Amino acid sequence: MILVRANQPHLYPAIQPLQRIVYAASGQDVDTVIVDGQVVMRGRKVLTVDEEAVLAAAQDEAMAALSRAKVSPEILMPAGVWG
C-alpha cells in the first residue's frame, strides 16, 4: 500500500482523486509505503535499507564497469564542461 501526498500543486484541483493519481502523480509524490503490514518507507525515508550504502555501492559498480570497459570516467563529464 502506498500513501500519496495529495496536497501538491500538480494534483489540484482536488477533484477526481483517482484520475489525479493515475495521470498526474509520480513516484516523488509517494510519502509512505507499507508491505505485508511493515512500514518500509515513511516520510520519503526508506527504513529497511541503508540508502547511502546502496548509492555508494552503485557508484562503485558503475566506476568498475567503466574501468573494465576501458572507458575514462571523464568521458561522462569532460573537464571544463561547466566553464
N, C-alpha and C. Protein backbone atom coordinates (compact mmCIF):
# COMPACT_ATOMS: atom_id res chain seq x y z
N MET A 1 0.86 -1.15 0.00
CA MET A 1 0.00 0.00 0.00
C MET A 1 0.91 1.22 0.00
N ILE A 2 0.49 2.24 -0.73
CA ILE A 2 1.23 3.50 -0.70
C ILE A 2 0.33 4.63 -0.22
N LEU A 3 0.93 5.59 0.42
CA LEU A 3 0.25 6.81 0.81
C LEU A 3 0.87 7.93 -0.01
N VAL A 4 0.02 8.68 -0.70
CA VAL A 4 0.48 9.73 -1.61
C VAL A 4 0.22 11.09 -0.97
N ARG A 5 1.19 11.97 -1.09
CA ARG A 5 1.00 13.35 -0.65
C ARG A 5 0.16 14.06 -1.70
N ALA A 6 -1.10 14.21 -1.43
CA ALA A 6 -2.02 14.75 -2.42
C ALA A 6 -2.10 16.28 -2.40
N ASN A 7 -1.47 16.91 -1.42
CA ASN A 7 -1.56 18.37 -1.32
C ASN A 7 -0.41 19.04 -2.07
N GLN A 8 -0.24 18.62 -3.32
CA GLN A 8 0.79 19.17 -4.19
C GLN A 8 0.11 19.97 -5.30
N PRO A 9 0.70 21.07 -5.73
CA PRO A 9 0.06 21.90 -6.75
C PRO A 9 -0.32 21.14 -8.03
N HIS A 10 0.51 20.19 -8.45
CA HIS A 10 0.20 19.48 -9.69
C HIS A 10 -0.92 18.46 -9.51
N LEU A 11 -1.39 18.26 -8.28
CA LEU A 11 -2.51 17.35 -8.04
C LEU A 11 -3.80 18.11 -7.73
N TYR A 12 -3.81 19.39 -8.04
CA TYR A 12 -5.00 20.20 -7.83
C TYR A 12 -5.59 20.57 -9.17
N PRO A 13 -6.87 20.83 -9.26
CA PRO A 13 -7.85 20.90 -8.18
C PRO A 13 -8.11 19.51 -7.60
N ALA A 14 -8.51 19.50 -6.36
CA ALA A 14 -8.69 18.25 -5.61
C ALA A 14 -10.03 17.60 -5.95
N ILE A 15 -10.19 17.31 -7.22
CA ILE A 15 -11.37 16.58 -7.69
C ILE A 15 -10.87 15.37 -8.46
N GLN A 16 -11.68 14.37 -8.60
CA GLN A 16 -11.32 13.14 -9.30
C GLN A 16 -9.96 12.61 -8.82
N PRO A 17 -9.86 12.23 -7.54
CA PRO A 17 -8.57 11.83 -6.97
C PRO A 17 -7.92 10.65 -7.69
N LEU A 18 -8.69 9.69 -8.12
CA LEU A 18 -8.11 8.54 -8.81
C LEU A 18 -7.43 8.98 -10.11
N GLN A 19 -8.10 9.82 -10.88
CA GLN A 19 -7.52 10.30 -12.13
C GLN A 19 -6.27 11.14 -11.86
N ARG A 20 -6.30 11.93 -10.81
CA ARG A 20 -5.13 12.77 -10.46
C ARG A 20 -3.93 11.89 -10.15
N ILE A 21 -4.15 10.82 -9.39
CA ILE A 21 -3.03 9.94 -9.04
C ILE A 21 -2.52 9.20 -10.28
N VAL A 22 -3.44 8.70 -11.09
CA VAL A 22 -3.03 7.93 -12.27
C VAL A 22 -2.32 8.81 -13.30
N TYR A 23 -2.85 9.99 -13.57
CA TYR A 23 -2.33 10.79 -14.68
C TYR A 23 -1.37 11.91 -14.27
N ALA A 24 -1.38 12.34 -13.02
CA ALA A 24 -0.55 13.49 -12.66
C ALA A 24 0.49 13.19 -11.59
N ALA A 25 0.25 12.18 -10.77
CA ALA A 25 1.19 11.86 -9.70
C ALA A 25 2.39 11.08 -10.24
N SER A 26 3.46 11.12 -9.49
CA SER A 26 4.65 10.34 -9.84
C SER A 26 5.22 9.72 -8.57
N GLY A 27 6.29 8.99 -8.70
CA GLY A 27 6.92 8.37 -7.55
C GLY A 27 7.35 9.38 -6.50
N GLN A 28 7.63 10.60 -6.93
CA GLN A 28 8.02 11.65 -5.98
C GLN A 28 6.90 12.03 -5.03
N ASP A 29 5.67 11.68 -5.36
CA ASP A 29 4.53 12.01 -4.51
C ASP A 29 4.25 10.95 -3.46
N VAL A 30 4.92 9.80 -3.55
CA VAL A 30 4.71 8.73 -2.57
C VAL A 30 5.42 9.12 -1.28
N ASP A 31 4.67 9.13 -0.18
CA ASP A 31 5.21 9.51 1.12
C ASP A 31 5.53 8.29 1.98
N THR A 32 4.64 7.29 1.96
CA THR A 32 4.77 6.12 2.83
C THR A 32 4.46 4.87 2.04
N VAL A 33 5.22 3.80 2.31
CA VAL A 33 4.99 2.51 1.66
C VAL A 33 4.90 1.45 2.75
N ILE A 34 3.86 0.61 2.65
CA ILE A 34 3.65 -0.48 3.61
C ILE A 34 3.58 -1.78 2.83
N VAL A 35 4.41 -2.76 3.23
CA VAL A 35 4.46 -4.06 2.56
C VAL A 35 4.25 -5.15 3.61
N ASP A 36 3.26 -6.00 3.40
CA ASP A 36 2.95 -7.07 4.37
C ASP A 36 2.81 -6.54 5.79
N GLY A 37 2.22 -5.37 5.92
CA GLY A 37 1.99 -4.79 7.24
C GLY A 37 3.20 -4.08 7.82
N GLN A 38 4.34 -4.10 7.14
CA GLN A 38 5.56 -3.45 7.62
C GLN A 38 5.77 -2.14 6.88
N VAL A 39 5.96 -1.06 7.62
CA VAL A 39 6.25 0.23 7.01
C VAL A 39 7.70 0.19 6.53
N VAL A 40 7.90 0.27 5.22
CA VAL A 40 9.25 0.22 4.68
C VAL A 40 9.77 1.61 4.27
N MET A 41 8.85 2.56 4.11
CA MET A 41 9.24 3.95 3.85
C MET A 41 8.22 4.85 4.55
N ARG A 42 8.73 5.84 5.27
CA ARG A 42 7.85 6.81 5.94
C ARG A 42 8.46 8.19 5.75
N GLY A 43 7.63 9.12 5.29
CA GLY A 43 8.14 10.48 5.07
C GLY A 43 9.25 10.52 4.04
N ARG A 44 9.16 9.65 3.03
CA ARG A 44 10.14 9.52 1.95
C ARG A 44 11.49 9.01 2.43
N LYS A 45 11.56 8.49 3.65
CA LYS A 45 12.79 7.92 4.19
C LYS A 45 12.64 6.41 4.21
N VAL A 46 13.53 5.70 3.46
CA VAL A 46 13.50 4.25 3.43
C VAL A 46 14.02 3.74 4.78
N LEU A 47 13.26 2.83 5.39
CA LEU A 47 13.58 2.35 6.73
C LEU A 47 14.24 0.98 6.74
N THR A 48 14.22 0.27 5.62
CA THR A 48 14.66 -1.12 5.62
C THR A 48 16.04 -1.35 5.02
N VAL A 49 16.62 -0.35 4.38
CA VAL A 49 17.98 -0.48 3.83
C VAL A 49 18.74 0.81 4.09
N ASP A 50 20.05 0.73 4.06
CA ASP A 50 20.90 1.90 4.20
C ASP A 50 21.05 2.53 2.82
N GLU A 51 20.28 3.57 2.56
CA GLU A 51 20.28 4.19 1.23
C GLU A 51 21.65 4.69 0.82
N GLU A 52 22.38 5.29 1.74
CA GLU A 52 23.71 5.80 1.41
C GLU A 52 24.64 4.68 0.99
N ALA A 53 24.56 3.55 1.67
CA ALA A 53 25.40 2.40 1.33
C ALA A 53 25.03 1.86 -0.05
N VAL A 54 23.74 1.82 -0.36
CA VAL A 54 23.30 1.33 -1.68
C VAL A 54 23.79 2.27 -2.78
N LEU A 55 23.67 3.58 -2.56
CA LEU A 55 24.12 4.55 -3.56
C LEU A 55 25.63 4.47 -3.75
N ALA A 56 26.37 4.33 -2.66
CA ALA A 56 27.83 4.21 -2.75
C ALA A 56 28.22 2.95 -3.51
N ALA A 57 27.54 1.84 -3.23
CA ALA A 57 27.83 0.59 -3.93
C ALA A 57 27.51 0.72 -5.41
N ALA A 58 26.42 1.39 -5.74
CA ALA A 58 26.05 1.59 -7.15
C ALA A 58 27.11 2.43 -7.86
N GLN A 59 27.60 3.47 -7.19
CA GLN A 59 28.65 4.31 -7.78
C GLN A 59 29.91 3.49 -8.02
N ASP A 60 30.30 2.70 -7.01
CA ASP A 60 31.49 1.86 -7.15
C ASP A 60 31.36 0.89 -8.31
N GLU A 61 30.20 0.26 -8.44
CA GLU A 61 29.98 -0.70 -9.52
C GLU A 61 30.00 -0.02 -10.88
N ALA A 62 29.45 1.18 -10.97
CA ALA A 62 29.47 1.91 -12.24
C ALA A 62 30.90 2.25 -12.63
N MET A 63 31.70 2.70 -11.67
CA MET A 63 33.08 3.03 -11.96
C MET A 63 33.87 1.78 -12.34
N ALA A 64 33.60 0.66 -11.68
CA ALA A 64 34.27 -0.60 -12.02
C ALA A 64 33.90 -1.05 -13.44
N ALA A 65 32.65 -0.88 -13.81
CA ALA A 65 32.21 -1.25 -15.16
C ALA A 65 32.91 -0.38 -16.20
N LEU A 66 33.04 0.91 -15.92
CA LEU A 66 33.76 1.80 -16.84
C LEU A 66 35.22 1.37 -16.97
N SER A 67 35.81 1.01 -15.85
CA SER A 67 37.20 0.58 -15.85
C SER A 67 37.37 -0.71 -16.66
N ARG A 68 36.48 -1.67 -16.47
CA ARG A 68 36.56 -2.92 -17.23
C ARG A 68 36.39 -2.67 -18.73
N ALA A 69 35.58 -1.68 -19.07
CA ALA A 69 35.36 -1.35 -20.47
C ALA A 69 36.44 -0.43 -21.02
N LYS A 70 37.40 -0.07 -20.14
CA LYS A 70 38.49 0.83 -20.50
C LYS A 70 37.96 2.18 -21.00
N VAL A 71 36.92 2.64 -20.31
CA VAL A 71 36.32 3.94 -20.61
C VAL A 71 36.66 4.88 -19.47
N SER A 72 37.19 6.02 -19.80
CA SER A 72 37.55 7.01 -18.78
C SER A 72 36.28 7.65 -18.22
N PRO A 73 36.19 7.78 -16.91
CA PRO A 73 35.01 8.45 -16.32
C PRO A 73 34.84 9.88 -16.82
N GLU A 74 35.92 10.52 -17.26
CA GLU A 74 35.84 11.89 -17.76
C GLU A 74 35.01 11.99 -19.02
N ILE A 75 34.86 10.87 -19.74
CA ILE A 75 34.05 10.91 -20.96
C ILE A 75 32.59 11.24 -20.62
N LEU A 76 32.18 10.90 -19.39
CA LEU A 76 30.80 11.18 -18.98
C LEU A 76 30.60 12.66 -18.69
N MET A 77 31.65 13.32 -18.16
CA MET A 77 31.58 14.74 -17.85
C MET A 77 32.98 15.31 -18.07
N PRO A 78 33.28 15.72 -19.29
CA PRO A 78 34.62 16.22 -19.59
C PRO A 78 34.97 17.42 -18.73
N ALA A 79 36.25 17.52 -18.38
CA ALA A 79 36.73 18.65 -17.59
C ALA A 79 36.40 19.95 -18.31
N GLY A 80 35.97 20.94 -17.56
CA GLY A 80 35.69 22.26 -18.11
C GLY A 80 34.33 22.39 -18.78
N VAL A 81 33.50 21.33 -18.73
CA VAL A 81 32.22 21.39 -19.42
C VAL A 81 31.32 22.49 -18.85
N TRP A 82 31.49 22.81 -17.56
CA TRP A 82 30.66 23.85 -16.95
C TRP A 82 31.37 25.19 -16.91
N GLY A 83 32.43 25.33 -17.66
CA GLY A 83 33.06 26.62 -17.85
C GLY A 83 34.09 26.97 -16.86
